[in-house]
Amino acid sequence: MVVGLLDKTSFGSSTLTTPQLAIATTEKIKEVYFTLELWYFSMRQKVRLLLRKAASMIEYDLLEVVNEFVEFYGEFVEKVAEETLQLVAKGDLASLEGEREGFSTFKTRLAELRGRANAFLQSLRDDGLPVSDTKVRALELDPWFKPGTAISEQKESPT
């Protein structure tokens, strides 16, 4: 959903970036998205294999997939979702008013996934498994968020 915003955003002379730069950035984001999509399918295959050999699974196998998920999730949020939203925020948001609800749903689902992932990671750590991290990264950008509200003022503070 979030990458789809790139094709719907217009970048004219009155926006904060040039159409040429927007096109180049869009291509880069889509390339990273495609790479992450392939990585995702690879991880799914690893999980399927782990499920088949659940009785003989060793701790290392589980840790490898869990740590890979943490890295994957962080890369998706940083290099696809946030870069897309940074670029979209420089475009004409009026042309995307119809996408606002879809973005809100995406953001909600991503937050729910993050909550479940964090709980799972913490339970693994509580069970004594040395997972690389117990928290995955939150999505922090919202192109429709207006400056001057409490959350945006918080982000601008140096602390």
C-alpha atoms as a PDB file:
ATOM      1  CA  MET A   1       0.000   0.000   0.000  1.00  0.00           C
ATOM      2  CA  VAL A   2       2.598   2.558   1.023  1.00  0.00           C
ATOM      3  CA  VAL A   3       4.701   2.176  -2.136  1.00  0.00           C
ATOM      4  CA  GLY A   4       1.540   2.696  -4.206  1.00  0.00           C
ATOM      5  CA  LEU A   5       1.464   6.290  -2.954  1.00  0.00           C
ATOM      6  CA  LEU A   6       4.535   6.991  -5.096  1.00  0.00           C
ATOM      7  CA  ASP A   7       2.582   6.487  -8.320  1.00  0.00           C
ATOM      8  CA  LYS A   8      -0.289   8.670  -7.126  1.00  0.00           C
ATOM      9  CA  THR A   9       1.712  11.677  -5.918  1.00  0.00           C
ATOM     10  CA  SER A  10       2.204  14.597  -8.259  1.00  0.00           C
ATOM     11  CA  PHE A  11       5.355  16.702  -8.201  1.00  0.00           C
ATOM     12  CA  GLY A  12       4.915  19.970 -10.015  1.00  0.00           C
ATOM     13  CA  SER A  13       6.761  23.263  -9.798  1.00  0.00           C
ATOM     14  CA  SER A  14       4.942  24.204  -6.590  1.00  0.00           C
ATOM     15  CA  THR A  15       6.173  21.171  -4.639  1.00  0.00           C
ATOM     16  CA  LEU A  16       9.254  20.806  -2.445  1.00  0.00           C
ATOM     17  CA  THR A  17      11.164  18.663  -4.955  1.00  0.00           C
ATOM     18  CA  THR A  18      11.661  18.495  -8.699  1.00  0.00           C
ATOM     19  CA  PRO A  19       9.842  15.915 -10.810  1.00  0.00           C
ATOM     20  CA  GLN A  20      13.214  14.493 -11.931  1.00  0.00           C
ATOM     21  CA  LEU A  21      14.429  13.994  -8.372  1.00  0.00           C
ATOM     22  CA  ALA A  22      11.064  12.518  -7.401  1.00  0.00           C
ATOM     23  CA  ILE A  23      11.253  10.003 -10.264  1.00  0.00           C
ATOM     24  CA  ALA A  24      14.814   8.980  -9.348  1.00  0.00           C
ATOM     25  CA  THR A  25      13.902   8.595  -5.676  1.00  0.00           C
ATOM     26  CA  THR A  26      10.765   6.637  -6.579  1.00  0.00           C
ATOM     27  CA  GLU A  27      12.789   4.207  -8.692  1.00  0.00           C
ATOM     28  CA  LYS A  28      15.289   3.720  -5.849  1.00  0.00           C
ATOM     29  CA  ILE A  29      12.531   3.056  -3.309  1.00  0.00           C
ATOM     30  CA  LYS A  30      10.790   0.601  -5.628  1.00  0.00           C
ATOM     31  CA  GLU A  31      14.063  -1.244  -6.206  1.00  0.00           C
ATOM     32  CA  VAL A  32      14.637  -1.568  -2.453  1.00  0.00           C
ATOM     33  CA  TYR A  33      11.014  -2.672  -2.033  1.00  0.00           C
ATOM     34  CA  PHE A  34      11.472  -5.390  -4.658  1.00  0.00           C
ATOM     35  CA  THR A  35      14.641  -6.607  -2.942  1.00  0.00           C
ATOM     36  CA  LEU A  36      12.868  -6.692   0.425  1.00  0.00           C
ATOM     37  CA  GLU A  37       9.958  -8.529  -1.163  1.00  0.00           C
ATOM     38  CA  LEU A  38      12.358 -11.257  -2.333  1.00  0.00           C
ATOM     39  CA  TRP A  39      13.912 -11.342   1.142  1.00  0.00           C
ATOM     40  CA  TYR A  40      10.439 -11.713   2.656  1.00  0.00           C
ATOM     41  CA  PHE A  41       9.674 -14.750   0.486  1.00  0.00           C
ATOM     42  CA  SER A  42      13.039 -16.241   1.443  1.00  0.00           C
ATOM     43  CA  MET A  43      12.230 -15.810   5.147  1.00  0.00           C
ATOM     44  CA  ARG A  44       8.800 -17.393   4.652  1.00  0.00           C
ATOM     45  CA  GLN A  45      10.488 -20.407   3.087  1.00  0.00           C
ATOM     46  CA  LYS A  46      12.881 -20.683   6.041  1.00  0.00           C
ATOM     47  CA  VAL A  47       9.946 -20.609   8.449  1.00  0.00           C
ATOM     48  CA  ARG A  48       8.191 -23.354   6.481  1.00  0.00           C
ATOM     49  CA  LEU A  49      11.330 -25.479   6.672  1.00  0.00           C
ATOM     50  CA  LEU A  50      11.606 -24.850  10.412  1.00  0.00           C
ATOM     51  CA  LEU A  51       7.999 -25.900  10.912  1.00  0.00           C
ATOM     52  CA  ARG A  52       8.632 -29.166   9.068  1.00  0.00           C
ATOM     53  CA  LYS A  53      11.579 -30.021  11.276  1.00  0.00           C
ATOM     54  CA  ALA A  54      10.127 -28.587  14.486  1.00  0.00           C
ATOM     55  CA  ALA A  55      10.996 -31.687  16.504  1.00  0.00           C
ATOM     56  CA  SER A  56      14.657 -31.499  15.520  1.00  0.00           C
ATOM     57  CA  MET A  57      14.972 -27.707  15.360  1.00  0.00           C
ATOM     58  CA  ILE A  58      17.935 -26.254  17.150  1.00  0.00           C
ATOM     59  CA  GLU A  59      18.057 -22.894  18.886  1.00  0.00           C
ATOM     60  CA  TYR A  60      20.391 -21.471  16.242  1.00  0.00           C
ATOM     61  CA  ASP A  61      17.826 -22.040  13.458  1.00  0.00           C
ATOM     62  CA  LEU A  62      15.154 -20.146  15.352  1.00  0.00           C
ATOM     63  CA  LEU A  63      17.492 -17.317  16.309  1.00  0.00           C
ATOM     64  CA  GLU A  64      18.668 -16.929  12.730  1.00  0.00           C
ATOM     65  CA  VAL A  65      15.123 -16.443  11.429  1.00  0.00           C
ATOM     66  CA  VAL A  66      14.073 -14.188  14.323  1.00  0.00           C
ATOM     67  CA  ASN A  67      17.130 -11.936  13.980  1.00  0.00           C
ATOM     68  CA  GLU A  68      16.632 -11.832  10.219  1.00  0.00           C
ATOM     69  CA  PHE A  69      13.016 -10.724  10.767  1.00  0.00           C
ATOM     70  CA  VAL A  70      14.125  -7.913  13.092  1.00  0.00           C
ATOM     71  CA  GLU A  71      16.582  -6.696  10.453  1.00  0.00           C
ATOM     72  CA  PHE A  72      14.029  -7.085   7.642  1.00  0.00           C
ATOM     73  CA  TYR A  73      11.337  -5.164   9.510  1.00  0.00           C
ATOM     74  CA  GLY A  74      13.738  -2.319  10.314  1.00  0.00           C
ATOM     75  CA  GLU A  75      14.927  -2.125   6.698  1.00  0.00           C
ATOM     76  CA  PHE A  76      11.330  -2.027   5.426  1.00  0.00           C
ATOM     77  CA  VAL A  77      10.306   0.751   7.806  1.00  0.00           C
ATOM     78  CA  GLU A  78      13.434   2.831   7.180  1.00  0.00           C
ATOM     79  CA  LYS A  79      14.150   2.323   3.491  1.00  0.00           C
ATOM     80  CA  VAL A  80      10.692   1.804   2.045  1.00  0.00           C
ATOM     81  CA  ALA A  81       7.939   3.171   4.281  1.00  0.00           C
ATOM     82  CA  GLU A  82       9.695   6.246   5.696  1.00  0.00           C
ATOM     83  CA  GLU A  83      11.510   7.181   2.480  1.00  0.00           C
ATOM     84  CA  THR A  84       8.217   6.866   0.590  1.00  0.00           C
ATOM     85  CA  LEU A  85       6.455   9.070   3.110  1.00  0.00           C
ATOM     86  CA  GLN A  86       9.279  11.642   3.088  1.00  0.00           C
ATOM     87  CA  LEU A  87       8.983  11.903  -0.686  1.00  0.00           C
ATOM     88  CA  VAL A  88       5.165  11.955  -0.648  1.00  0.00           C
ATOM     89  CA  ALA A  89       5.251  14.786   1.905  1.00  0.00           C
ATOM     90  CA  LYS A  90       7.217  16.864  -0.637  1.00  0.00           C
ATOM     91  CA  GLY A  91       4.544  16.352  -3.291  1.00  0.00           C
ATOM     92  CA  ASP A  92       1.012  17.614  -3.701  1.00  0.00           C
ATOM     93  CA  LEU A  93      -0.884  16.061  -0.784  1.00  0.00           C
ATOM     94  CA  ALA A  94      -4.183  17.451  -2.058  1.00  0.00           C
ATOM     95  CA  SER A  95      -4.031  14.901  -4.880  1.00  0.00           C
ATOM     96  CA  LEU A  96      -3.762  12.126  -2.266  1.00  0.00           C
ATOM     97  CA  GLU A  97      -6.673  13.062  -0.014  1.00  0.00           C
ATOM     98  CA  GLY A  98      -8.485   9.880  -1.089  1.00  0.00           C
ATOM     99  CA  GLU A  99      -5.501   7.789   0.039  1.00  0.00           C
ATOM    100  CA  ARG A 100      -5.575   9.078   3.591  1.00  0.00           C
ATOM    101  CA  GLU A 101      -7.868   6.323   4.890  1.00  0.00           C
ATOM    102  CA  GLY A 102      -5.818   3.584   3.211  1.00  0.00           C
ATOM    103  CA  PHE A 103      -2.644   5.020   4.734  1.00  0.00           C
ATOM    104  CA  SER A 104      -4.299   5.117   8.142  1.00  0.00           C
ATOM    105  CA  THR A 105      -5.185   1.418   7.806  1.00  0.00           C
ATOM    106  CA  PHE A 106      -1.617   0.604   6.716  1.00  0.00           C
ATOM    107  CA  LYS A 107      -0.212   2.519   9.676  1.00  0.00           C
ATOM    108  CA  THR A 108      -2.581   0.756  12.098  1.00  0.00           C
ATOM    109  CA  ARG A 109      -1.708  -2.693  10.750  1.00  0.00           C
ATOM    110  CA  LEU A 110       1.998  -1.947  10.866  1.00  0.00           C
ATOM    111  CA  ALA A 111       1.658  -0.794  14.488  1.00  0.00           C
ATOM    112  CA  GLU A 112      -0.276  -3.986  15.357  1.00  0.00           C
ATOM    113  CA  LEU A 113       2.410  -6.122  13.713  1.00  0.00           C
ATOM    114  CA  ARG A 114       5.068  -4.186  15.604  1.00  0.00           C
ATOM    115  CA  GLY A 115       3.245  -4.797  18.894  1.00  0.00           C
ATOM    116  CA  ARG A 116       2.958  -8.535  18.239  1.00  0.00           C
ATOM    117  CA  ALA A 117       6.566  -8.754  17.100  1.00  0.00           C
ATOM    118  CA  ASN A 118       7.814  -6.901  20.183  1.00  0.00           C
ATOM    119  CA  ALA A 119       5.814  -9.183  22.492  1.00  0.00           C
ATOM    120  CA  PHE A 120       7.155 -12.277  20.699  1.00  0.00           C
ATOM    121  CA  LEU A 121      10.733 -11.012  20.835  1.00  0.00           C
ATOM    122  CA  GLN A 122      10.412 -10.214  24.528  1.00  0.00           C
ATOM    123  CA  SER A 123       8.987 -13.665  25.262  1.00  0.00           C
ATOM    124  CA  LEU A 124      11.923 -15.266  23.443  1.00  0.00           C
ATOM    125  CA  ARG A 125      14.332 -13.173  25.501  1.00  0.00           C
ATOM    126  CA  ASP A 126      12.424 -14.086  28.691  1.00  0.00           C
ATOM    127  CA  ASP A 127      12.813 -17.748  27.719  1.00  0.00           C
ATOM    128  CA  GLY A 128      16.578 -17.253  27.602  1.00  0.00           C
ATOM    129  CA  LEU A 129      17.127 -16.988  23.848  1.00  0.00           C
ATOM    130  CA  PRO A 130      19.704 -14.336  22.935  1.00  0.00           C
ATOM    131  CA  VAL A 131      17.651 -12.481  20.301  1.00  0.00           C
ATOM    132  CA  SER A 132      19.383  -9.489  18.743  1.00  0.00           C
ATOM    133  CA  ASP A 133      16.697  -7.043  19.864  1.00  0.00           C
ATOM    134  CA  THR A 134      13.370  -7.054  21.676  1.00  0.00           C
ATOM    135  CA  LYS A 135      11.844  -4.124  19.824  1.00  0.00           C
ATOM    136  CA  VAL A 136      11.303  -3.454  16.144  1.00  0.00           C
ATOM    137  CA  ARG A 137      11.277   0.037  14.764  1.00  0.00           C
ATOM    138  CA  ALA A 138       8.139   2.175  14.746  1.00  0.00           C
ATOM    139  CA  LEU A 139       6.922   4.087  11.714  1.00  0.00           C
ATOM    140  CA  GLU A 140       7.349   7.715  12.678  1.00  0.00           C
ATOM    141  CA  LEU A 141       6.224   9.653   9.613  1.00  0.00           C
ATOM    142  CA  ASP A 142       2.785  10.765   8.534  1.00  0.00           C
ATOM    143  CA  PRO A 143       2.689  13.100   5.521  1.00  0.00           C
ATOM    144  CA  TRP A 144      -0.791  14.328   6.453  1.00  0.00           C
ATOM    145  CA  PHE A 145       0.272  15.286   9.964  1.00  0.00           C
ATOM    146  CA  LYS A 146       0.182  19.062  10.335  1.00  0.00           C
ATOM    147  CA  PRO A 147       3.096  20.890  12.016  1.00  0.00           C
ATOM    148  CA  GLY A 148       2.375  22.677  15.252  1.00  0.00           C
ATOM    149  CA  THR A 149       0.602  19.816  16.985  1.00  0.00           C
ATOM    150  CA  ALA A 150       1.946  18.115  20.083  1.00  0.00           C
ATOM    151  CA  ILE A 151       3.516  15.111  18.328  1.00  0.00           C
ATOM    152  CA  SER A 152       5.316  17.117  15.643  1.00  0.00           C
ATOM    153  CA  GLU A 153       6.617  19.555  18.254  1.00  0.00           C
ATOM    154  CA  GLN A 154       7.937  16.577  20.227  1.00  0.00           C
ATOM    155  CA  LYS A 155       9.854  15.327  17.189  1.00  0.00           C
ATOM    156  CA  GLU A 156      11.490  18.708  16.652  1.00  0.00           C
ATOM    157  CA  SER A 157      12.747  18.962  20.215  1.00  0.00           C
ATOM    158  CA  PRO A 158      16.484  18.195  20.649  1.00  0.00           C
ATOM    159  CA  THR A 159      15.905  15.670  23.467  1.00  0.00           C
END
